[in-house]
Amino acid sequence: MHTSKHQPETCPDCGSDKIAKILFGMPAWSPKMQREIDQGKLILGGCVISERDPKWQCVDCGAKIFQENQ
């Protein structure tokens, strides 16, 4: 399991710089959200929210990164 205090610049598994934020829940769709999804900046994580969901995901290899408690 990978953790980070802030959104990492590179993937801890493959080194890619394509790290997207994961959004959980039922988001209100917007054109801006669709652009972020298309650009690889946002990934929809599903509608079920748990206490320990990953915060970021590598777009290239799918590695999930959890946010460390501050």
PDB file of N, CA and C in Angstrom:
ATOM      1  N   MET A   1       0.845  -1.175   0.000  1.00  0.00           N
ATOM      2  CA  MET A   1       0.000   0.000   0.000  1.00  0.00           C
ATOM      3  C   MET A   1       0.893   1.241   0.000  1.00  0.00           C
ATOM      4  N   HIS A   2       0.577   2.162  -0.874  1.00  0.00           N
ATOM      5  CA  HIS A   2       1.347   3.398  -0.976  1.00  0.00           C
ATOM      6  C   HIS A   2       0.595   4.526  -0.279  1.00  0.00           C
ATOM      7  N   THR A   3       1.335   5.379   0.434  1.00  0.00           N
ATOM      8  CA  THR A   3       0.733   6.529   1.095  1.00  0.00           C
ATOM      9  C   THR A   3       1.545   7.780   0.793  1.00  0.00           C
ATOM     10  N   SER A   4       0.873   8.921   0.891  1.00  0.00           N
ATOM     11  CA  SER A   4       1.530  10.203   0.662  1.00  0.00           C
ATOM     12  C   SER A   4       0.728  11.287   1.372  1.00  0.00           C
ATOM     13  N   LYS A   5       1.409  12.318   1.866  1.00  0.00           N
ATOM     14  CA  LYS A   5       0.707  13.441   2.492  1.00  0.00           C
ATOM     15  C   LYS A   5       0.057  14.340   1.451  1.00  0.00           C
ATOM     16  N   HIS A   6       0.660  14.419   0.275  1.00  0.00           N
ATOM     17  CA  HIS A   6       0.179  15.278  -0.806  1.00  0.00           C
ATOM     18  C   HIS A   6       0.145  14.464  -2.094  1.00  0.00           C
ATOM     19  N   GLN A   7      -0.570  14.978  -3.087  1.00  0.00           N
ATOM     20  CA  GLN A   7      -0.615  14.277  -4.370  1.00  0.00           C
ATOM     21  C   GLN A   7       0.804  14.109  -4.891  1.00  0.00           C
ATOM     22  N   PRO A   8       1.232  12.867  -5.100  1.00  0.00           N
ATOM     23  CA  PRO A   8       2.602  12.639  -5.563  1.00  0.00           C
ATOM     24  C   PRO A   8       2.799  13.126  -6.997  1.00  0.00           C
ATOM     25  N   GLU A   9       4.031  13.502  -7.305  1.00  0.00           N
ATOM     26  CA  GLU A   9       4.358  13.946  -8.661  1.00  0.00           C
ATOM     27  C   GLU A   9       4.552  12.764  -9.599  1.00  0.00           C
ATOM     28  N   THR A  10       4.982  11.625  -9.052  1.00  0.00           N
ATOM     29  CA  THR A  10       5.191  10.429  -9.868  1.00  0.00           C
ATOM     30  C   THR A  10       4.625   9.206  -9.154  1.00  0.00           C
ATOM     31  N   CYS A  11       4.309   8.192  -9.933  1.00  0.00           N
ATOM     32  CA  CYS A  11       3.781   6.940  -9.400  1.00  0.00           C
ATOM     33  C   CYS A  11       4.890   6.170  -8.683  1.00  0.00           C
ATOM     34  N   PRO A  12       4.607   5.661  -7.479  1.00  0.00           N
ATOM     35  CA  PRO A  12       5.615   4.879  -6.762  1.00  0.00           C
ATOM     36  C   PRO A  12       5.893   3.521  -7.410  1.00  0.00           C
ATOM     37  N   ASP A  13       5.011   3.046  -8.290  1.00  0.00           N
ATOM     38  CA  ASP A  13       5.218   1.754  -8.950  1.00  0.00           C
ATOM     39  C   ASP A  13       5.905   1.881 -10.304  1.00  0.00           C
ATOM     40  N   CYS A  14       5.377   2.744 -11.181  1.00  0.00           N
ATOM     41  CA  CYS A  14       5.898   2.780 -12.556  1.00  0.00           C
ATOM     42  C   CYS A  14       6.638   4.070 -12.911  1.00  0.00           C
ATOM     43  N   GLY A  15       6.575   5.084 -12.042  1.00  0.00           N
ATOM     44  CA  GLY A  15       7.284   6.333 -12.303  1.00  0.00           C
ATOM     45  C   GLY A  15       6.539   7.318 -13.190  1.00  0.00           C
ATOM     46  N   SER A  16       5.328   6.976 -13.623  1.00  0.00           N
ATOM     47  CA  SER A  16       4.543   7.873 -14.475  1.00  0.00           C
ATOM     48  C   SER A  16       4.216   9.167 -13.732  1.00  0.00           C
ATOM     49  N   ASP A  17       4.109  10.256 -14.487  1.00  0.00           N
ATOM     50  CA  ASP A  17       3.707  11.525 -13.873  1.00  0.00           C
ATOM     51  C   ASP A  17       2.207  11.783 -14.053  1.00  0.00           C
ATOM     52  N   LYS A  18       1.478  10.767 -14.476  1.00  0.00           N
ATOM     53  CA  LYS A  18       0.030  10.892 -14.685  1.00  0.00           C
ATOM     54  C   LYS A  18      -0.710  10.358 -13.458  1.00  0.00           C
ATOM     55  N   ILE A  19      -0.880  11.219 -12.466  1.00  0.00           N
ATOM     56  CA  ILE A  19      -1.549  10.862 -11.226  1.00  0.00           C
ATOM     57  C   ILE A  19      -2.873  11.619 -11.166  1.00  0.00           C
ATOM     58  N   ALA A  20      -3.969  10.888 -11.032  1.00  0.00           N
ATOM     59  CA  ALA A  20      -5.296  11.493 -11.010  1.00  0.00           C
ATOM     60  C   ALA A  20      -5.898  11.406  -9.611  1.00  0.00           C
ATOM     61  N   LYS A  21      -6.706  12.393  -9.286  1.00  0.00           N
ATOM     62  CA  LYS A  21      -7.478  12.364  -8.045  1.00  0.00           C
ATOM     63  C   LYS A  21      -8.654  11.412  -8.251  1.00  0.00           C
ATOM     64  N   ILE A  22      -9.005  10.648  -7.202  1.00  0.00           N
ATOM     65  CA  ILE A  22     -10.148   9.740  -7.264  1.00  0.00           C
ATOM     66  C   ILE A  22     -11.316  10.403  -6.540  1.00  0.00           C
ATOM     67  N   LEU A  23     -12.463  10.448  -7.194  1.00  0.00           N
ATOM     68  CA  LEU A  23     -13.663  11.034  -6.611  1.00  0.00           C
ATOM     69  C   LEU A  23     -14.675   9.925  -6.354  1.00  0.00           C
ATOM     70  N   PHE A  24     -15.088   9.783  -5.089  1.00  0.00           N
ATOM     71  CA  PHE A  24     -16.081   8.784  -4.699  1.00  0.00           C
ATOM     72  C   PHE A  24     -17.412   9.469  -4.424  1.00  0.00           C
ATOM     73  N   GLY A  25     -18.484   8.713  -4.488  1.00  0.00           N
ATOM     74  CA  GLY A  25     -19.818   9.245  -4.228  1.00  0.00           C
ATOM     75  C   GLY A  25     -20.572   9.440  -5.527  1.00  0.00           C
ATOM     76  N   MET A  26     -21.657  10.191  -5.443  1.00  0.00           N
ATOM     77  CA  MET A  26     -22.496  10.482  -6.611  1.00  0.00           C
ATOM     78  C   MET A  26     -22.268  11.937  -6.998  1.00  0.00           C
ATOM     79  N   PRO A  27     -21.271  12.198  -7.829  1.00  0.00           N
ATOM     80  CA  PRO A  27     -20.943  13.586  -8.164  1.00  0.00           C
ATOM     81  C   PRO A  27     -21.983  14.213  -9.095  1.00  0.00           C
ATOM     82  N   ALA A  28     -22.095  15.518  -9.001  1.00  0.00           N
ATOM     83  CA  ALA A  28     -22.934  16.264  -9.939  1.00  0.00           C
ATOM     84  C   ALA A  28     -22.095  16.489 -11.190  1.00  0.00           C
ATOM     85  N   TRP A  29     -22.471  15.833 -12.278  1.00  0.00           N
ATOM     86  CA  TRP A  29     -21.694  15.915 -13.509  1.00  0.00           C
ATOM     87  C   TRP A  29     -21.686  17.340 -14.030  1.00  0.00           C
ATOM     88  N   SER A  30     -20.557  17.742 -14.605  1.00  0.00           N
ATOM     89  CA  SER A  30     -20.433  19.053 -15.243  1.00  0.00           C
ATOM     90  C   SER A  30     -19.468  18.917 -16.417  1.00  0.00           C
ATOM     91  N   PRO A  31     -19.507  19.859 -17.349  1.00  0.00           N
ATOM     92  CA  PRO A  31     -18.540  19.830 -18.450  1.00  0.00           C
ATOM     93  C   PRO A  31     -17.095  19.880 -17.943  1.00  0.00           C
ATOM     94  N   LYS A  32     -16.851  20.640 -16.861  1.00  0.00           N
ATOM     95  CA  LYS A  32     -15.499  20.716 -16.291  1.00  0.00           C
ATOM     96  C   LYS A  32     -15.061  19.337 -15.787  1.00  0.00           C
ATOM     97  N   MET A  33     -15.965  18.643 -15.105  1.00  0.00           N
ATOM     98  CA  MET A  33     -15.638  17.303 -14.610  1.00  0.00           C
ATOM     99  C   MET A  33     -15.312  16.372 -15.772  1.00  0.00           C
ATOM    100  N   GLN A  34     -16.091  16.426 -16.832  1.00  0.00           N
ATOM    101  CA  GLN A  34     -15.842  15.575 -17.989  1.00  0.00           C
ATOM    102  C   GLN A  34     -14.485  15.873 -18.616  1.00  0.00           C
ATOM    103  N   ARG A  35     -14.102  17.152 -18.687  1.00  0.00           N
ATOM    104  CA  ARG A  35     -12.777  17.519 -19.222  1.00  0.00           C
ATOM    105  C   ARG A  35     -11.668  16.928 -18.360  1.00  0.00           C
ATOM    106  N   GLU A  36     -11.820  17.023 -17.020  1.00  0.00           N
ATOM    107  CA  GLU A  36     -10.804  16.478 -16.116  1.00  0.00           C
ATOM    108  C   GLU A  36     -10.692  14.963 -16.264  1.00  0.00           C
ATOM    109  N   ILE A  37     -11.811  14.288 -16.473  1.00  0.00           N
ATOM    110  CA  ILE A  37     -11.786  12.841 -16.709  1.00  0.00           C
ATOM    111  C   ILE A  37     -11.071  12.553 -18.025  1.00  0.00           C
ATOM    112  N   ASP A  38     -11.440  13.278 -19.074  1.00  0.00           N
ATOM    113  CA  ASP A  38     -10.831  13.077 -20.393  1.00  0.00           C
ATOM    114  C   ASP A  38      -9.331  13.363 -20.389  1.00  0.00           C
ATOM    115  N   GLN A  39      -8.887  14.310 -19.551  1.00  0.00           N
ATOM    116  CA  GLN A  39      -7.475  14.688 -19.477  1.00  0.00           C
ATOM    117  C   GLN A  39      -6.680  13.793 -18.529  1.00  0.00           C
ATOM    118  N   GLY A  40      -7.338  12.843 -17.862  1.00  0.00           N
ATOM    119  CA  GLY A  40      -6.642  11.958 -16.932  1.00  0.00           C
ATOM    120  C   GLY A  40      -6.321  12.608 -15.602  1.00  0.00           C
ATOM    121  N   LYS A  41      -7.032  13.667 -15.248  1.00  0.00           N
ATOM    122  CA  LYS A  41      -6.812  14.349 -13.970  1.00  0.00           C
ATOM    123  C   LYS A  41      -7.774  13.876 -12.887  1.00  0.00           C
ATOM    124  N   LEU A  42      -8.851  13.198 -13.285  1.00  0.00           N
ATOM    125  CA  LEU A  42      -9.883  12.758 -12.353  1.00  0.00           C
ATOM    126  C   LEU A  42     -10.360  11.368 -12.750  1.00  0.00           C
ATOM    127  N   ILE A  43     -10.534  10.517 -11.738  1.00  0.00           N
ATOM    128  CA  ILE A  43     -11.070   9.169 -11.929  1.00  0.00           C
ATOM    129  C   ILE A  43     -12.267   9.022 -11.004  1.00  0.00           C
ATOM    130  N   LEU A  44     -13.365   8.494 -11.516  1.00  0.00           N
ATOM    131  CA  LEU A  44     -14.527   8.230 -10.674  1.00  0.00           C
ATOM    132  C   LEU A  44     -14.320   6.891  -9.979  1.00  0.00           C
ATOM    133  N   GLY A  45     -14.383   6.912  -8.639  1.00  0.00           N
ATOM    134  CA  GLY A  45     -14.082   5.725  -7.856  1.00  0.00           C
ATOM    135  C   GLY A  45     -15.282   4.875  -7.501  1.00  0.00           C
ATOM    136  N   GLY A  46     -16.479   5.320  -7.848  1.00  0.00           N
ATOM    137  CA  GLY A  46     -17.684   4.566  -7.519  1.00  0.00           C
ATOM    138  C   GLY A  46     -18.527   5.304  -6.502  1.00  0.00           C
ATOM    139  N   CYS A  47     -19.747   4.831  -6.304  1.00  0.00           N
ATOM    140  CA  CYS A  47     -20.674   5.555  -5.439  1.00  0.00           C
ATOM    141  C   CYS A  47     -20.581   5.148  -3.972  1.00  0.00           C
ATOM    142  N   VAL A  48     -19.919   4.050  -3.669  1.00  0.00           N
ATOM    143  CA  VAL A  48     -19.790   3.599  -2.284  1.00  0.00           C
ATOM    144  C   VAL A  48     -18.558   4.249  -1.658  1.00  0.00           C
ATOM    145  N   ILE A  49     -18.776   4.951  -0.557  1.00  0.00           N
ATOM    146  CA  ILE A  49     -17.689   5.635   0.145  1.00  0.00           C
ATOM    147  C   ILE A  49     -17.384   4.857   1.417  1.00  0.00           C
ATOM    148  N   SER A  50     -16.111   4.537   1.629  1.00  0.00           N
ATOM    149  CA  SER A  50     -15.712   3.837   2.852  1.00  0.00           C
ATOM    150  C   SER A  50     -14.810   4.749   3.681  1.00  0.00           C
ATOM    151  N   GLU A  51     -14.421   4.264   4.834  1.00  0.00           N
ATOM    152  CA  GLU A  51     -13.562   5.062   5.709  1.00  0.00           C
ATOM    153  C   GLU A  51     -12.130   5.138   5.203  1.00  0.00           C
ATOM    154  N   ARG A  52     -11.742   4.229   4.332  1.00  0.00           N
ATOM    155  CA  ARG A  52     -10.344   4.173   3.896  1.00  0.00           C
ATOM    156  C   ARG A  52     -10.260   3.981   2.385  1.00  0.00           C
ATOM    157  N   ASP A  53     -10.639   4.994   1.644  1.00  0.00           N
ATOM    158  CA  ASP A  53     -10.549   4.947   0.187  1.00  0.00           C
ATOM    159  C   ASP A  53      -9.245   5.592  -0.272  1.00  0.00           C
ATOM    160  N   PRO A  54      -8.686   5.127  -1.381  1.00  0.00           N
ATOM    161  CA  PRO A  54      -7.494   5.792  -1.914  1.00  0.00           C
ATOM    162  C   PRO A  54      -7.848   7.197  -2.393  1.00  0.00           C
ATOM    163  N   LYS A  55      -6.880   8.087  -2.373  1.00  0.00           N
ATOM    164  CA  LYS A  55      -7.087   9.487  -2.770  1.00  0.00           C
ATOM    165  C   LYS A  55      -6.662   9.734  -4.215  1.00  0.00           C
ATOM    166  N   TRP A  56      -5.618   9.009  -4.675  1.00  0.00           N
ATOM    167  CA  TRP A  56      -5.076   9.206  -6.022  1.00  0.00           C
ATOM    168  C   TRP A  56      -4.842   7.857  -6.691  1.00  0.00           C
ATOM    169  N   GLN A  57      -4.747   7.893  -8.024  1.00  0.00           N
ATOM    170  CA  GLN A  57      -4.476   6.672  -8.789  1.00  0.00           C
ATOM    171  C   GLN A  57      -3.612   7.012  -9.990  1.00  0.00           C
ATOM    172  N   CYS A  58      -2.655   6.141 -10.279  1.00  0.00           N
ATOM    173  CA  CYS A  58      -1.834   6.298 -11.475  1.00  0.00           C
ATOM    174  C   CYS A  58      -2.687   5.967 -12.696  1.00  0.00           C
ATOM    175  N   VAL A  59      -2.699   6.858 -13.662  1.00  0.00           N
ATOM    176  CA  VAL A  59      -3.480   6.651 -14.881  1.00  0.00           C
ATOM    177  C   VAL A  59      -2.879   5.528 -15.721  1.00  0.00           C
ATOM    178  N   ASP A  60      -1.562   5.369 -15.679  1.00  0.00           N
ATOM    179  CA  ASP A  60      -0.893   4.378 -16.525  1.00  0.00           C
ATOM    180  C   ASP A  60      -0.961   2.955 -15.973  1.00  0.00           C
ATOM    181  N   CYS A  61      -0.647   2.760 -14.698  1.00  0.00           N
ATOM    182  CA  CYS A  61      -0.590   1.385 -14.172  1.00  0.00           C
ATOM    183  C   CYS A  61      -1.705   1.054 -13.180  1.00  0.00           C
ATOM    184  N   GLY A  62      -2.462   2.056 -12.743  1.00  0.00           N
ATOM    185  CA  GLY A  62      -3.576   1.805 -11.835  1.00  0.00           C
ATOM    186  C   GLY A  62      -3.211   1.741 -10.364  1.00  0.00           C
ATOM    187  N   ALA A  63      -1.955   2.007 -10.011  1.00  0.00           N
ATOM    188  CA  ALA A  63      -1.555   1.980  -8.601  1.00  0.00           C
ATOM    189  C   ALA A  63      -2.382   2.993  -7.815  1.00  0.00           C
ATOM    190  N   LYS A  64      -2.870   2.565  -6.659  1.00  0.00           N
ATOM    191  CA  LYS A  64      -3.670   3.443  -5.814  1.00  0.00           C
ATOM    192  C   LYS A  64      -2.805   3.984  -4.679  1.00  0.00           C
ATOM    193  N   ILE A  65      -3.007   5.253  -4.354  1.00  0.00           N
ATOM    194  CA  ILE A  65      -2.210   5.919  -3.328  1.00  0.00           C
ATOM    195  C   ILE A  65      -3.169   6.498  -2.298  1.00  0.00           C
ATOM    196  N   PHE A  66      -2.924   6.181  -1.051  1.00  0.00           N
ATOM    197  CA  PHE A  66      -3.762   6.638   0.047  1.00  0.00           C
ATOM    198  C   PHE A  66      -3.145   7.875   0.681  1.00  0.00           C
ATOM    199  N   GLN A  67      -3.996   8.772   1.188  1.00  0.00           N
ATOM    200  CA  GLN A  67      -3.484   9.975   1.839  1.00  0.00           C
ATOM    201  C   GLN A  67      -3.140   9.660   3.288  1.00  0.00           C
ATOM    202  N   GLU A  68      -1.928  10.066   3.694  1.00  0.00           N
ATOM    203  CA  GLU A  68      -1.507   9.902   5.080  1.00  0.00           C
ATOM    204  C   GLU A  68      -2.292  10.868   5.949  1.00  0.00           C
ATOM    205  N   ASN A  69      -2.558  10.459   7.181  1.00  0.00           N
ATOM    206  CA  ASN A  69      -3.198  11.372   8.124  1.00  0.00           C
ATOM    207  C   ASN A  69      -2.254  12.509   8.435  1.00  0.00           C
ATOM    208  N   GLN A  70      -2.798  13.691   8.470  1.00  0.00           N
ATOM    209  CA  GLN A  70      -1.980  14.887   8.723  1.00  0.00           C
ATOM    210  C   GLN A  70      -1.602  14.983  10.185  1.00  0.00           C
TER     211      GLN A  70
END
